[in-house]
Amino acid sequence: MADTLLKVSGLKVAYGGIQAVKGVSLEVCQGELVSLIGANGAGKTTTLKAITGLQPVGGGEIEFMGRSIKGQGAWDLVKQGLIMVPEGRGTFTRMTITENLQMGAFVRNDKEIDADIEKVFAIFPRLKERRNQLAGTMSGGEQQMLAMGRALMARPKVLLMDEPSMGLSPIMVDKIFEVVNDIHQRGTTVLLVEQNASRALQLATRGYVMESGEVTMSGDAKALLDDPKVRAAYLGE
């Protein structure tokens, strides 16, 4: 059986007196693409922020590569290989595409950064065409590609993606999901948070369904995709 890289047990997160995440448990094994789906406000983004050190944890445990990481800062987790592509992309708008990619490798100190930029350009040819363009002048879809490429520059052991298709045109949504699949097929382990349940589960190995701060269903992604409750709640059937 593949090694468990990320294990979350009984995670709780509160905003003031409001319990946003209520005991969530999930795991991601080496080589998997795991999807976490749910409606807007279900607690998916809060869960990712807690895992990656961007949100204080109220209870539970988070383990990465067999060690507890609860309470560690995002900076330390990036150095360990736990990397998130945030909702809203968060590109450095006044930097060029190339400079954004270099920022993704900020925690590295090796001689392969330029080679890895070329690997990113192989995945995203559009970025290579515009390598000297300011990120802030790009379309939303192009900035999403850049955010994904920047994350890859940190050489993630687990790549967490938060709503990569949000706000994009249908054509660009197709492209983003194609790239997510490509990144996974190249060997990157992925935890994908998405409102687009159908597309997310089609790509995934396994899936978790989150409602009102809790995981209500989990299992094989294809089985979830065929489940009448999932289809009724998230696929409009």
Protein backbone atom coordinates (compact mmCIF):
# COMPACT_ATOMS: atom_id res chain seq x y z
CA MET A 1 0.00 0.00 0.00
CA ALA A 2 1.19 3.52 -0.83
CA ASP A 3 2.62 5.66 1.97
CA THR A 4 0.27 8.17 3.60
CA LEU A 5 1.80 11.61 3.02
CA LEU A 6 -0.92 13.75 4.60
CA LYS A 7 -3.23 12.65 7.42
CA VAL A 8 -5.80 14.90 9.07
CA SER A 9 -7.61 13.57 12.14
CA GLY A 10 -10.53 15.28 13.89
CA LEU A 11 -9.59 18.75 12.63
CA LYS A 12 -11.52 21.60 14.24
CA VAL A 13 -11.33 25.28 13.28
CA ALA A 14 -13.39 28.13 14.70
CA TYR A 15 -13.87 31.78 13.71
CA GLY A 16 -14.77 33.51 16.95
CA GLY A 17 -17.63 31.47 18.34
CA ILE A 18 -18.50 29.84 15.03
CA GLN A 19 -17.24 26.30 14.45
CA ALA A 20 -16.33 26.28 10.74
CA VAL A 21 -14.67 22.85 10.65
CA LYS A 22 -16.11 20.20 12.95
CA GLY A 23 -13.80 17.23 13.30
CA VAL A 24 -12.71 16.61 9.71
CA SER A 25 -10.58 13.54 8.97
CA LEU A 26 -8.97 12.76 5.62
CA GLU A 27 -5.78 11.37 4.17
CA VAL A 28 -3.78 11.59 0.96
CA CYS A 29 -1.42 8.80 -0.06
CA GLN A 30 1.65 8.91 -2.30
CA GLY A 31 0.66 9.28 -5.96
CA GLU A 32 -3.03 9.97 -5.38
CA LEU A 33 -5.24 12.74 -6.62
CA VAL A 34 -7.83 13.22 -3.88
CA SER A 35 -10.80 15.57 -4.33
CA LEU A 36 -12.56 17.40 -1.51
CA ILE A 37 -15.92 18.60 -2.80
CA GLY A 38 -18.79 20.54 -1.28
CA ALA A 39 -20.95 23.60 -1.65
CA ASN A 40 -19.73 27.13 -1.05
CA GLY A 41 -19.34 27.68 2.70
CA ALA A 42 -18.88 23.99 3.53
CA GLY A 43 -15.47 24.65 5.11
CA LYS A 44 -13.21 23.38 2.34
CA THR A 45 -10.97 26.44 2.10
CA THR A 46 -10.74 26.74 5.89
CA THR A 47 -9.61 23.11 6.02
CA LEU A 48 -6.82 23.78 3.51
CA LYS A 49 -5.73 26.93 5.33
CA ALA A 50 -5.52 25.00 8.60
CA ILE A 51 -3.49 22.22 6.98
CA THR A 52 -1.03 24.70 5.46
CA GLY A 53 -0.51 26.83 8.57
CA LEU A 54 -2.54 29.81 7.43
CA GLN A 55 -5.36 29.34 9.93
CA PRO A 56 -5.09 28.45 13.65
CA VAL A 57 -6.22 24.92 14.52
CA GLY A 58 -8.70 24.52 17.36
CA GLY A 59 -8.39 20.77 17.73
CA GLY A 60 -7.37 17.52 16.10
CA GLU A 61 -4.10 16.48 14.49
CA ILE A 62 -2.34 17.09 11.17
CA GLU A 63 0.49 14.80 10.10
CA PHE A 64 2.71 15.26 7.06
CA MET A 65 5.08 12.46 6.08
CA GLY A 66 4.50 10.78 9.43
CA ARG A 67 5.18 13.81 11.64
CA SER A 68 2.87 16.26 13.36
CA ILE A 69 2.84 19.68 11.71
CA LYS A 70 0.02 21.24 13.72
CA GLY A 71 0.96 24.78 14.68
CA GLN A 72 3.81 25.09 12.20
CA GLY A 73 3.91 28.16 9.98
CA ALA A 74 3.28 28.17 6.26
CA TRP A 75 6.93 29.06 5.58
CA ASP A 76 8.19 25.91 7.30
CA LEU A 77 5.60 23.73 5.59
CA VAL A 78 6.57 25.04 2.15
CA LYS A 79 10.18 24.08 2.86
CA GLN A 80 8.97 20.58 3.74
CA GLY A 81 7.05 20.24 0.47
CA LEU A 82 3.45 21.01 1.47
CA ILE A 83 2.42 23.61 -1.11
CA MET A 84 -0.94 25.30 -1.77
CA VAL A 85 -2.28 27.10 -4.82
CA PRO A 86 -4.68 29.50 -3.08
CA GLU A 87 -8.17 30.46 -4.12
CA GLY A 88 -7.88 33.77 -5.98
CA ARG A 89 -4.43 32.84 -7.38
CA GLY A 90 -2.41 35.42 -5.43
CA THR A 91 0.11 36.18 -8.16
CA PHE A 92 2.65 38.97 -7.77
CA THR A 93 0.94 41.33 -10.18
CA ARG A 94 3.84 43.78 -10.62
CA MET A 95 6.34 41.01 -11.35
CA THR A 96 6.83 39.24 -14.64
CA ILE A 97 5.85 35.64 -15.23
CA THR A 98 9.46 34.55 -14.91
CA GLU A 99 9.91 36.50 -11.68
CA ASN A 100 6.77 34.90 -10.24
CA LEU A 101 8.17 31.46 -11.01
CA GLN A 102 11.47 32.40 -9.40
CA MET A 103 9.54 33.43 -6.27
CA GLY A 104 8.07 29.94 -6.20
CA ALA A 105 11.61 28.62 -5.75
CA PHE A 106 12.46 31.15 -3.02
CA VAL A 107 12.96 28.42 -0.39
CA ARG A 108 15.34 26.47 -2.64
CA ASN A 109 19.11 26.76 -2.84
CA ASP A 110 20.11 24.57 -5.75
CA LYS A 111 21.28 24.96 -9.34
CA GLU A 112 18.21 23.45 -11.04
CA ILE A 113 15.81 26.39 -10.73
CA ASP A 114 16.23 27.56 -14.33
CA ALA A 115 15.74 23.99 -15.55
CA ASP A 116 12.54 23.72 -13.51
CA ILE A 117 11.26 26.98 -14.99
CA GLU A 118 11.65 25.38 -18.41
CA LYS A 119 9.71 22.34 -17.17
CA VAL A 120 6.89 24.66 -16.08
CA PHE A 121 6.98 26.32 -19.49
CA ALA A 122 6.64 22.86 -21.08
CA ILE A 123 3.42 22.34 -19.10
CA PHE A 124 2.18 25.90 -19.75
CA PRO A 125 3.38 26.99 -23.22
CA ARG A 126 1.31 30.17 -22.93
CA LEU A 127 3.44 31.29 -20.00
CA LYS A 128 6.61 30.76 -22.00
CA GLU A 129 5.25 32.94 -24.82
CA ARG A 130 4.68 35.74 -22.30
CA ARG A 131 7.54 35.15 -19.88
CA ASN A 132 8.40 38.86 -19.63
CA GLN A 133 4.81 40.06 -19.26
CA LEU A 134 3.61 41.47 -15.92
CA ALA A 135 1.36 38.99 -14.15
CA GLY A 136 -1.24 41.67 -13.42
CA THR A 137 -1.92 42.18 -17.13
CA MET A 138 -2.84 38.53 -17.73
CA SER A 139 -6.32 37.01 -17.87
CA GLY A 140 -7.72 35.12 -14.89
CA GLY A 141 -7.05 31.78 -16.52
CA GLU A 142 -3.48 32.72 -17.34
CA GLN A 143 -2.91 33.87 -13.76
CA GLN A 144 -4.29 30.52 -12.54
CA MET A 145 -1.74 28.75 -14.72
CA LEU A 146 0.97 30.97 -13.29
CA ALA A 147 -0.10 30.25 -9.71
CA MET A 148 0.03 26.51 -10.43
CA GLY A 149 3.41 26.84 -12.11
CA ARG A 150 4.77 28.89 -9.22
CA ALA A 151 3.66 26.17 -6.79
CA LEU A 152 5.43 23.51 -8.85
CA MET A 153 8.66 25.49 -8.56
CA ALA A 154 8.72 24.64 -4.84
CA ARG A 155 8.85 20.94 -5.79
CA PRO A 156 5.77 19.89 -3.79
CA LYS A 157 5.50 16.49 -2.17
CA VAL A 158 1.78 17.24 -1.84
CA LEU A 159 0.16 19.99 -3.92
CA LEU A 160 -3.07 21.45 -2.53
CA MET A 161 -5.27 23.36 -4.98
CA ASP A 162 -8.13 25.53 -3.80
CA GLU A 163 -10.87 26.05 -6.39
CA PRO A 164 -8.59 26.34 -9.46
CA SER A 165 -11.54 26.60 -11.87
CA MET A 166 -13.42 29.34 -10.02
CA GLY A 167 -14.46 32.32 -12.11
CA LEU A 168 -13.00 31.01 -15.36
CA SER A 169 -14.61 30.65 -18.78
CA PRO A 170 -15.75 27.14 -19.81
CA ILE A 171 -12.86 26.82 -22.26
CA MET A 172 -10.34 27.83 -19.59
CA VAL A 173 -11.96 25.48 -17.06
CA ASP A 174 -11.35 22.62 -19.50
CA LYS A 175 -7.72 23.67 -19.82
CA ILE A 176 -7.17 23.96 -16.06
CA PHE A 177 -8.58 20.49 -15.38
CA GLU A 178 -6.46 19.12 -18.21
CA VAL A 179 -3.38 20.63 -16.57
CA VAL A 180 -4.34 19.34 -13.10
CA ASN A 181 -4.53 15.85 -14.59
CA ASP A 182 -1.21 16.36 -16.38
CA ILE A 183 0.51 17.46 -13.17
CA HIS A 184 -0.82 14.38 -11.39
CA GLN A 185 0.20 12.06 -14.22
CA ARG A 186 3.73 13.47 -14.02
CA GLY A 187 3.93 12.13 -10.47
CA THR A 188 2.73 14.92 -8.18
CA THR A 189 0.41 13.96 -5.31
CA VAL A 190 -2.60 16.30 -5.28
CA LEU A 191 -5.39 17.33 -2.89
CA LEU A 192 -7.94 19.19 -5.01
CA VAL A 193 -10.69 21.33 -3.47
CA GLU A 194 -13.46 22.07 -5.96
CA GLN A 195 -17.09 23.12 -6.22
CA ASN A 196 -17.18 21.54 -9.69
CA ALA A 197 -17.86 18.09 -8.22
CA SER A 198 -18.26 16.24 -11.49
CA ARG A 199 -14.96 17.34 -12.99
CA ALA A 200 -13.08 16.91 -9.71
CA LEU A 201 -14.32 13.36 -9.13
CA GLN A 202 -13.66 12.37 -12.74
CA LEU A 203 -9.97 13.13 -12.19
CA ALA A 204 -9.63 11.81 -8.66
CA THR A 205 -8.52 8.52 -7.16
CA ARG A 206 -10.65 9.05 -4.06
CA GLY A 207 -13.00 11.73 -2.84
CA TYR A 208 -14.44 13.35 0.27
CA VAL A 209 -17.76 15.20 0.46
CA MET A 210 -17.91 18.07 2.93
CA GLU A 211 -21.09 19.67 4.28
CA SER A 212 -21.39 22.31 7.01
CA GLY A 213 -17.88 21.73 8.30
CA GLU A 214 -18.03 17.94 8.33
CA VAL A 215 -17.05 15.11 5.99
CA THR A 216 -20.32 13.31 5.27
CA MET A 217 -19.17 10.84 2.60
CA SER A 218 -15.89 9.44 1.35
CA GLY A 219 -14.59 6.67 -0.85
CA ASP A 220 -13.62 5.75 -4.39
CA ALA A 221 -14.09 8.78 -6.62
CA LYS A 222 -15.98 6.92 -9.34
CA ALA A 223 -18.34 5.39 -6.76
CA LEU A 224 -19.05 8.85 -5.35
CA LEU A 225 -19.65 10.16 -8.85
CA ASP A 226 -22.31 7.47 -9.33
CA ASP A 227 -23.88 7.89 -5.89
CA PRO A 228 -27.48 9.19 -6.13
CA LYS A 229 -27.02 11.51 -3.12
CA VAL A 230 -23.94 13.13 -4.64
CA ARG A 231 -25.58 13.43 -8.03
CA ALA A 232 -28.67 15.02 -6.53
CA ALA A 233 -26.74 17.47 -4.32
CA TYR A 234 -23.88 18.49 -6.62
CA LEU A 235 -24.67 17.45 -10.18
CA GLY A 236 -28.23 18.77 -10.38
CA GLU A 237 -29.84 15.38 -10.94
